[in-house]
Amino acid sequence: MSELTARAQELDAADELAGARKQFVLDEVVYLDGNSLGALPAAVPGRVDDVVRRQWGALRIRSWDESGWWTAPERIGDRIAPLVGAAAGQIVVGDSTSVNVFKALVGGVRLVSGTSRDEILVDATTFPTDGYIAGSAARMTGCTLRPVAPAEVPDALSGRTAAVLLNHVDYRTGRLHDLPSLTAAVHEAGAVAVWDLCHSAGALPVGLDEHGVDLAVGCTYKYLNGGPGSPAYLYVRRDLQDRFDSPLPGWNSHAEPFGMRPGYEPASGALRGRVGTPDILSMLALEAALEVWDGVPIEAVRAKSLALTDFFLECVSAYVPEGRVETLTPLAHRERGSQVALRCADAGDVMKRLIERGVIGDFRHPDVLRFGFTPLYVGFGDVERAARVLGQTLGDLAG
């Protein structure tokens, strides 16, 4: 047994979150792609079966009231709220991340309407869809769009800035951006801060309320394990809710949704973020998935995430031939999310071989290997095995 294998066993034995693993459907592979699609929580299939057979099959339309379908978007939002540092009543679940980015960004610009602010800043390194949506939001609101690297945002802010859209964690490199200081800089400039939490929610503390974030969005199928295409969410800070003007007013966000009046009157609170009829099957699967978080402090998740990624980087250094990979993820804890990105020649072929050998990560064009570490079900033995297989694979290719 190698020294690193022995250390992995010791670390797993001392892991306070190790018991959470049994709440997921897993096999013998090392699954390090939870930053793309989280593993299936074991309680979900039975819950979905009940929703389909009893709630839909037997109760049918009565389930909107008797099974709580109608209130699911805000009820599930309140389940997500503690994981992103928000009090209840500020998050509504529904639609996709892209749709919620659009709502948040246009709504953010409208919060400063009547001023001379006519520019939107967007994270220049953002996931492409956020950039596409930001461009559309700019055209719709008469703003110009200015892509800026997150580190350059404080210097780019001006009296023209209406809203700033930033990613909490870079999807390619795993770099964690400084949400508190960037939000403070945006506010000092008189603009609205909009954050995309897709790669941080469920992996590390966010502190939306603590840091005064105005608007935030996120998906639920990564570290929240809600399932493929599970609904996203929208956070609207409580003191902004009565002024939040959604660009997608639907009957579900009407103050009197069953009044069927031709004129629109927005509901109060976070309900203004709703649009149309919610996707009940996916939404209630998500609600069941969130039960794995009962009693789990996000601070413990963050501590294990950092320990896992530290150990992975140590194992990579020990097992991988020198010069074969370059670490793109910051080494400093304050700048690291819950993934490790390695630049590697022939990365697509390398990842294919890793998957064939039972290590599941993913590849980002043109040369990046991504490994996501979900602390609720990834152990230190998984980490050591993944790095060892990576080293063997790269060694075989070199030979």
Protein backbone atom coordinates (compact mmCIF):
# COMPACT_ATOMS: atom_id res chain seq x y z
CA MET A 1 0.00 0.00 0.00
CA SER A 2 1.41 3.38 -0.99
CA GLU A 3 1.73 6.26 1.45
CA LEU A 4 -0.97 8.22 -0.38
CA THR A 5 -3.37 5.25 -0.35
CA ALA A 6 -2.84 4.88 3.39
CA ARG A 7 -3.44 8.60 3.92
CA ALA A 8 -6.63 8.44 1.89
CA GLN A 9 -7.92 5.68 4.17
CA GLU A 10 -7.09 7.72 7.26
CA LEU A 11 -8.78 10.81 5.86
CA ASP A 12 -11.90 8.85 4.91
CA ALA A 13 -12.07 7.32 8.39
CA ALA A 14 -12.02 10.80 9.95
CA ASP A 15 -14.48 12.36 7.46
CA GLU A 16 -17.56 13.74 9.26
CA LEU A 17 -19.51 13.81 5.99
CA ALA A 18 -18.68 10.25 4.94
CA GLY A 19 -22.14 9.00 5.98
CA ALA A 20 -23.83 11.21 3.39
CA ARG A 21 -22.52 8.99 0.59
CA LYS A 22 -25.05 6.25 1.32
CA GLN A 23 -27.85 8.67 0.39
CA PHE A 24 -26.78 8.55 -3.27
CA VAL A 25 -27.01 5.96 -6.03
CA LEU A 26 -23.37 5.24 -6.86
CA ASP A 27 -21.31 2.40 -8.32
CA GLU A 28 -17.64 1.50 -8.43
CA VAL A 29 -16.54 4.31 -10.73
CA VAL A 30 -14.96 7.48 -9.37
CA TYR A 31 -17.49 10.17 -10.20
CA LEU A 32 -15.83 13.59 -10.44
CA ASP A 33 -18.35 15.28 -12.73
CA GLY A 34 -20.81 16.59 -10.16
CA ASN A 35 -19.95 20.09 -11.37
CA SER A 36 -21.87 19.15 -14.54
CA LEU A 37 -24.49 16.70 -13.23
CA GLY A 38 -24.80 15.67 -9.61
CA ALA A 39 -25.34 12.03 -8.65
CA LEU A 40 -28.85 10.70 -8.04
CA PRO A 41 -30.03 10.95 -4.41
CA ALA A 42 -31.52 7.61 -3.42
CA ALA A 43 -34.81 9.13 -2.22
CA VAL A 44 -35.69 10.66 -5.59
CA PRO A 45 -37.02 7.63 -7.55
CA GLY A 46 -39.59 6.76 -4.89
CA ARG A 47 -40.72 10.37 -4.60
CA VAL A 48 -41.10 10.75 -8.35
CA ASP A 49 -43.05 7.50 -8.46
CA ASP A 50 -45.44 8.90 -5.86
CA VAL A 51 -45.80 12.17 -7.75
CA VAL A 52 -46.61 10.34 -10.98
CA ARG A 53 -48.78 7.51 -9.70
CA ARG A 54 -50.62 9.04 -6.74
CA GLN A 55 -50.46 12.82 -7.05
CA TRP A 56 -50.93 12.96 -10.82
CA GLY A 57 -52.49 9.55 -11.44
CA ALA A 58 -55.01 9.45 -8.60
CA LEU A 59 -55.47 12.98 -7.29
CA ARG A 60 -54.97 14.62 -10.68
CA ILE A 61 -55.84 18.33 -10.62
CA ARG A 62 -56.55 18.21 -6.89
CA SER A 63 -52.80 17.98 -6.31
CA TRP A 64 -52.33 21.65 -7.09
CA ASP A 65 -53.84 22.26 -3.65
CA GLU A 66 -53.78 18.93 -1.78
CA SER A 67 -50.20 18.02 -2.73
CA GLY A 68 -48.84 21.56 -2.59
CA TRP A 69 -47.96 21.87 -6.25
CA TRP A 70 -48.98 25.51 -6.42
CA THR A 71 -46.62 26.65 -3.67
CA ALA A 72 -43.68 24.45 -4.73
CA PRO A 73 -41.58 27.22 -6.36
CA GLU A 74 -41.30 29.30 -3.19
CA ARG A 75 -41.31 26.33 -0.80
CA ILE A 76 -38.35 24.74 -2.57
CA GLY A 77 -36.72 28.14 -2.82
CA ASP A 78 -36.78 28.30 0.96
CA ARG A 79 -35.00 24.91 1.05
CA ILE A 80 -32.22 26.29 -1.14
CA ALA A 81 -31.95 29.59 0.75
CA PRO A 82 -29.74 28.39 3.66
CA LEU A 83 -27.29 26.87 1.19
CA VAL A 84 -26.64 30.28 -0.38
CA GLY A 85 -26.90 32.35 2.78
CA ALA A 86 -30.37 33.78 2.27
CA ALA A 87 -33.32 34.16 4.59
CA ALA A 88 -36.64 32.64 3.58
CA GLY A 89 -38.93 34.46 1.16
CA GLN A 90 -36.29 35.65 -1.30
CA ILE A 91 -35.83 32.72 -3.69
CA VAL A 92 -38.28 31.31 -6.20
CA VAL A 93 -37.57 28.12 -8.16
CA GLY A 94 -38.50 27.68 -11.81
CA ASP A 95 -37.40 28.08 -15.43
CA SER A 96 -33.81 27.57 -16.60
CA THR A 97 -30.68 29.41 -15.51
CA SER A 98 -30.68 31.28 -18.82
CA VAL A 99 -34.25 32.52 -18.35
CA ASN A 100 -33.47 33.61 -14.81
CA VAL A 101 -30.31 35.44 -15.92
CA PHE A 102 -32.49 37.36 -18.38
CA LYS A 103 -35.05 38.20 -15.70
CA ALA A 104 -32.39 39.26 -13.22
CA LEU A 105 -30.33 41.35 -15.61
CA VAL A 106 -33.21 43.23 -17.22
CA GLY A 107 -34.86 43.59 -13.81
CA GLY A 108 -31.58 44.89 -12.45
CA VAL A 109 -31.30 47.57 -15.12
CA ARG A 110 -34.88 48.58 -14.47
CA LEU A 111 -34.06 49.10 -10.80
CA VAL A 112 -31.94 52.10 -11.85
CA SER A 113 -34.24 53.31 -14.63
CA GLY A 114 -34.68 57.06 -14.87
CA THR A 115 -30.96 57.61 -14.46
CA SER A 116 -28.22 58.14 -17.03
CA ARG A 117 -26.91 54.61 -16.54
CA ASP A 118 -26.76 52.89 -19.90
CA GLU A 119 -24.05 50.23 -19.65
CA ILE A 120 -24.04 46.58 -18.56
CA LEU A 121 -20.78 44.96 -17.51
CA VAL A 122 -20.55 41.22 -18.03
CA ASP A 123 -17.91 38.72 -16.95
CA ALA A 124 -15.69 38.33 -20.02
CA THR A 125 -14.86 34.75 -18.97
CA THR A 126 -18.48 33.76 -18.40
CA PHE A 127 -20.26 30.63 -19.58
CA PRO A 128 -21.29 31.53 -23.15
CA THR A 129 -25.05 31.58 -22.52
CA ASP A 130 -24.69 34.27 -19.86
CA GLY A 131 -22.93 36.39 -22.45
CA TYR A 132 -25.62 35.76 -25.05
CA ILE A 133 -28.36 36.65 -22.57
CA ALA A 134 -26.50 39.75 -21.43
CA GLY A 135 -26.30 40.90 -25.05
CA SER A 136 -30.03 40.46 -25.51
CA ALA A 137 -30.75 42.24 -22.21
CA ALA A 138 -28.58 45.14 -23.32
CA ARG A 139 -30.44 45.46 -26.62
CA MET A 140 -33.80 45.29 -24.85
CA THR A 141 -32.91 47.98 -22.31
CA GLY A 142 -31.01 50.29 -24.66
CA CYS A 143 -27.72 49.63 -22.89
CA THR A 144 -24.29 48.94 -24.29
CA LEU A 145 -22.61 45.70 -23.26
CA ARG A 146 -19.05 45.71 -22.02
CA PRO A 147 -17.22 42.41 -21.30
CA VAL A 148 -14.76 42.80 -18.44
CA ALA A 149 -12.59 40.32 -16.54
CA PRO A 150 -13.85 40.07 -12.93
CA ALA A 151 -10.58 41.43 -11.51
CA GLU A 152 -10.97 44.51 -13.70
CA VAL A 153 -14.54 45.29 -12.65
CA PRO A 154 -13.69 47.85 -9.92
CA ASP A 155 -11.73 49.97 -12.39
CA ALA A 156 -14.34 49.55 -15.13
CA LEU A 157 -17.27 50.81 -13.04
CA SER A 158 -18.54 54.30 -13.70
CA GLY A 159 -21.59 56.49 -13.45
CA ARG A 160 -22.82 54.82 -16.63
CA THR A 161 -22.89 51.33 -15.12
CA ALA A 162 -26.42 50.03 -14.58
CA ALA A 163 -25.81 46.36 -13.73
CA VAL A 164 -22.94 43.91 -13.51
CA LEU A 165 -23.30 40.17 -14.22
CA LEU A 166 -20.59 37.99 -12.69
CA ASN A 167 -19.94 34.29 -12.11
CA HIS A 168 -19.05 33.30 -8.57
CA VAL A 169 -16.85 30.45 -9.86
CA ASP A 170 -15.31 30.26 -13.34
CA TYR A 171 -16.71 27.17 -15.05
CA ARG A 172 -13.46 26.37 -16.86
CA THR A 173 -10.76 26.96 -14.27
CA GLY A 174 -12.64 26.67 -10.98
CA ARG A 175 -11.42 30.13 -9.89
CA LEU A 176 -13.54 31.58 -7.08
CA HIS A 177 -14.17 35.29 -7.51
CA ASP A 178 -14.40 37.66 -4.56
CA LEU A 179 -18.15 38.14 -4.21
CA PRO A 180 -18.03 40.36 -1.12
CA SER A 181 -15.54 42.91 -2.43
CA LEU A 182 -16.87 42.96 -5.99
CA THR A 183 -20.44 43.42 -4.76
CA ALA A 184 -19.29 46.28 -2.52
CA ALA A 185 -17.50 47.91 -5.46
CA VAL A 186 -20.60 47.64 -7.65
CA HIS A 187 -22.75 49.19 -4.93
CA GLU A 188 -20.27 52.00 -4.32
CA ALA A 189 -20.63 52.85 -8.01
CA GLY A 190 -24.42 52.92 -7.64
CA ALA A 191 -25.01 49.86 -9.83
CA VAL A 192 -26.81 46.54 -9.35
CA ALA A 193 -24.89 43.32 -8.70
CA VAL A 194 -26.17 40.13 -10.36
CA TRP A 195 -24.38 36.86 -9.54
CA ASP A 196 -24.47 33.47 -11.25
CA LEU A 197 -24.03 30.80 -8.56
CA CYS A 198 -24.16 27.69 -10.74
CA HIS A 199 -20.70 26.47 -9.70
CA SER A 200 -20.79 27.54 -6.06
CA ALA A 201 -24.22 26.78 -4.60
CA GLY A 202 -23.94 23.55 -2.62
CA ALA A 203 -20.14 23.61 -2.68
CA LEU A 204 -19.23 26.60 -0.54
CA PRO A 205 -20.77 29.41 1.53
CA VAL A 206 -22.14 32.24 -0.62
CA GLY A 207 -23.57 34.76 1.85
CA LEU A 208 -26.12 36.50 -0.34
CA ASP A 209 -27.80 38.37 2.52
CA GLU A 210 -24.58 39.02 4.44
CA HIS A 211 -22.92 40.68 1.47
CA GLY A 212 -25.96 42.56 0.18
CA VAL A 213 -26.17 40.88 -3.22
CA ASP A 214 -29.03 42.39 -5.20
CA LEU A 215 -30.01 39.55 -7.54
CA ALA A 216 -28.66 36.05 -8.07
CA VAL A 217 -29.44 32.98 -10.14
CA GLY A 218 -28.29 29.40 -10.16
CA CYS A 219 -28.94 25.93 -11.48
CA THR A 220 -29.80 22.96 -9.28
CA TYR A 221 -28.42 20.00 -11.24
CA LYS A 222 -24.76 20.37 -10.23
CA TYR A 223 -23.82 20.38 -6.54
CA LEU A 224 -27.51 20.45 -5.52
CA ASN A 225 -28.09 17.12 -7.33
CA GLY A 226 -31.54 18.01 -8.65
CA GLY A 227 -31.31 15.94 -11.84
CA PRO A 228 -30.80 16.70 -15.54
CA GLY A 229 -32.58 19.89 -16.51
CA SER A 230 -33.90 20.47 -12.99
CA PRO A 231 -35.33 23.97 -12.53
CA ALA A 232 -33.12 26.90 -11.67
CA TYR A 233 -33.80 29.64 -9.14
CA LEU A 234 -33.90 33.41 -8.80
CA TYR A 235 -32.94 35.39 -5.68
CA VAL A 236 -34.34 38.90 -5.23
CA ARG A 237 -33.13 40.70 -2.11
CA ARG A 238 -36.07 41.44 0.15
CA ASP A 239 -35.84 45.24 0.10
CA LEU A 240 -35.80 45.25 -3.72
CA GLN A 241 -38.79 42.99 -4.24
CA ASP A 242 -41.44 45.70 -4.40
CA ARG A 243 -39.44 47.40 -7.19
CA PHE A 244 -38.38 44.31 -9.12
CA ASP A 245 -39.93 44.58 -12.59
CA SER A 246 -39.57 41.26 -14.37
CA PRO A 247 -39.33 41.37 -18.17
CA LEU A 248 -41.35 38.12 -18.25
CA PRO A 249 -44.58 38.85 -16.39
CA GLY A 250 -46.67 35.71 -16.41
CA TRP A 251 -49.93 34.63 -14.86
CA ASN A 252 -48.05 32.80 -12.09
CA SER A 253 -46.50 36.08 -10.91
CA HIS A 254 -49.79 37.99 -11.00
CA ALA A 255 -51.18 39.31 -7.73
CA GLU A 256 -54.42 37.52 -8.60
CA PRO A 257 -53.42 34.66 -10.92
CA PHE A 258 -56.89 33.19 -11.22
CA GLY A 259 -58.56 36.55 -11.74
CA MET A 260 -57.65 36.31 -15.43
CA ARG A 261 -57.64 40.08 -15.75
CA PRO A 262 -56.15 41.62 -18.91
CA GLY A 263 -54.00 44.05 -16.91
CA TYR A 264 -50.90 42.82 -15.12
CA GLU A 265 -50.41 43.51 -11.42
CA PRO A 266 -47.31 41.88 -9.91
CA ALA A 267 -47.54 39.74 -6.82
CA SER A 268 -45.66 40.80 -3.73
CA GLY A 269 -42.36 39.29 -2.67
CA ALA A 270 -40.17 36.82 -4.54
CA LEU A 271 -43.26 35.53 -6.37
CA ARG A 272 -42.60 38.29 -8.89
CA GLY A 273 -39.90 35.99 -10.26
CA ARG A 274 -42.41 33.34 -11.33
CA VAL A 275 -43.62 33.24 -14.92
CA GLY A 276 -45.78 30.35 -16.12
CA THR A 277 -46.92 26.95 -14.91
CA PRO A 278 -44.03 25.27 -13.08
CA ASP A 279 -42.49 21.99 -14.19
CA ILE A 280 -43.92 19.92 -11.35
CA LEU A 281 -42.23 16.57 -12.07
CA SER A 282 -38.72 18.05 -12.13
CA MET A 283 -39.48 20.45 -9.32
CA LEU A 284 -40.66 17.79 -6.89
CA ALA A 285 -37.72 15.56 -7.83
CA LEU A 286 -35.51 18.49 -6.83
CA GLU A 287 -37.37 18.88 -3.56
CA ALA A 288 -36.68 15.23 -2.72
CA ALA A 289 -33.03 15.63 -3.72
CA LEU A 290 -32.57 18.56 -1.36
CA GLU A 291 -33.34 16.33 1.62
CA VAL A 292 -29.74 15.10 1.56
CA TRP A 293 -28.82 18.53 2.95
CA ASP A 294 -30.82 18.11 6.15
CA GLY A 295 -28.45 18.72 9.04
CA VAL A 296 -25.43 19.36 6.79
CA PRO A 297 -23.65 22.67 7.45
CA ILE A 298 -22.32 24.28 4.31
CA GLU A 299 -19.15 25.23 6.22
CA ALA A 300 -18.35 21.51 6.69
CA VAL A 301 -18.90 20.97 2.98
CA ARG A 302 -16.48 23.77 2.16
CA ALA A 303 -13.83 22.41 4.54
CA LYS A 304 -14.03 18.97 2.94
CA SER A 305 -14.04 20.44 -0.57
CA LEU A 306 -10.77 22.23 0.09
CA ALA A 307 -9.28 19.13 1.69
CA LEU A 308 -10.30 16.99 -1.30
CA THR A 309 -8.90 19.39 -3.87
CA ASP A 310 -5.70 19.88 -1.87
CA PHE A 311 -5.23 16.10 -1.68
CA PHE A 312 -5.98 15.67 -5.38
CA LEU A 313 -3.37 18.24 -6.34
CA GLU A 314 -0.87 16.50 -4.05
CA CYS A 315 -1.63 13.12 -5.62
CA VAL A 316 -1.40 14.56 -9.14
CA SER A 317 2.01 15.96 -8.29
CA ALA A 318 3.11 12.53 -7.05
CA TYR A 319 1.60 10.35 -9.80
CA VAL A 320 1.58 12.38 -13.00
CA PRO A 321 4.78 12.58 -15.09
CA GLU A 322 6.45 15.96 -14.63
CA GLY A 323 5.46 18.59 -17.19
CA ARG A 324 2.51 16.58 -18.50
CA VAL A 325 -0.24 18.76 -16.98
CA GLU A 326 -0.57 22.37 -15.88
CA THR A 327 -2.88 23.32 -13.01
CA LEU A 328 -5.26 26.11 -13.99
CA THR A 329 -7.16 26.21 -10.70
CA PRO A 330 -5.75 28.64 -8.13
CA LEU A 331 -3.84 27.08 -5.25
CA ALA A 332 -5.02 29.69 -2.74
CA HIS A 333 -8.13 28.51 -0.90
CA ARG A 334 -9.80 31.91 -1.11
CA GLU A 335 -9.64 31.70 -4.91
CA ARG A 336 -10.67 28.08 -5.42
CA GLY A 337 -14.13 26.62 -5.99
CA SER A 338 -14.80 22.88 -5.79
CA GLN A 339 -13.17 21.72 -8.99
CA VAL A 340 -9.66 21.28 -10.34
CA ALA A 341 -8.88 22.10 -13.96
CA LEU A 342 -5.74 20.74 -15.58
CA ARG A 343 -4.39 21.83 -18.94
CA CYS A 344 -3.22 18.79 -20.85
CA ALA A 345 -2.21 18.01 -24.43
CA ASP A 346 -4.73 15.68 -26.10
CA ALA A 347 -7.13 16.35 -23.23
CA GLY A 348 -10.14 14.94 -25.10
CA ASP A 349 -8.43 11.60 -25.70
CA VAL A 350 -7.07 11.53 -22.15
CA MET A 351 -10.54 12.02 -20.65
CA LYS A 352 -11.98 9.32 -22.89
CA ARG A 353 -9.35 6.89 -21.60
CA LEU A 354 -9.98 7.94 -17.99
CA ILE A 355 -13.68 7.24 -18.39
CA GLU A 356 -12.91 3.81 -19.85
CA ARG A 357 -10.83 3.14 -16.72
CA GLY A 358 -13.59 4.17 -14.33
CA VAL A 359 -12.72 7.80 -13.58
CA ILE A 360 -15.43 10.21 -14.71
CA GLY A 361 -14.48 13.83 -15.23
CA ASP A 362 -15.04 15.98 -18.28
CA PHE A 363 -13.22 17.80 -21.06
CA ARG A 364 -13.50 21.43 -22.08
CA HIS A 365 -12.21 22.49 -25.49
CA PRO A 366 -9.44 22.75 -26.41
CA ASP A 367 -7.18 21.30 -23.71
CA VAL A 368 -8.79 21.29 -20.25
CA LEU A 369 -9.52 18.30 -18.00
CA ARG A 370 -12.10 19.20 -15.36
CA PHE A 371 -12.62 17.29 -12.12
CA GLY A 372 -15.49 18.29 -9.83
CA PHE A 373 -15.47 17.35 -6.15
CA THR A 374 -18.88 16.97 -4.51
CA PRO A 375 -18.11 16.56 -0.80
CA LEU A 376 -21.36 14.77 0.02
CA TYR A 377 -20.36 11.67 -1.94
CA VAL A 378 -16.71 11.97 -3.03
CA GLY A 379 -14.13 10.48 -0.67
CA PHE A 380 -10.39 10.73 -0.35
CA GLY A 381 -9.97 7.21 -1.69
CA ASP A 382 -11.76 8.35 -4.84
CA VAL A 383 -9.35 11.25 -5.13
CA GLU A 384 -6.23 9.10 -4.77
CA ARG A 385 -7.53 6.58 -7.29
CA ALA A 386 -8.40 9.28 -9.82
CA ALA A 387 -4.96 10.86 -9.67
CA ARG A 388 -3.26 7.45 -9.85
CA VAL A 389 -5.28 6.45 -12.93
CA LEU A 390 -4.55 9.82 -14.51
CA GLY A 391 -0.84 9.28 -13.97
CA GLN A 392 -1.00 5.76 -15.41
CA THR A 393 -2.97 6.96 -18.42
CA LEU A 394 -0.56 9.77 -19.21
CA GLY A 395 2.35 7.41 -18.70
CA ASP A 396 0.88 4.89 -21.13
CA LEU A 397 0.34 7.59 -23.75
CA ALA A 398 3.93 8.78 -23.36
CA GLY A 399 5.25 5.22 -23.75
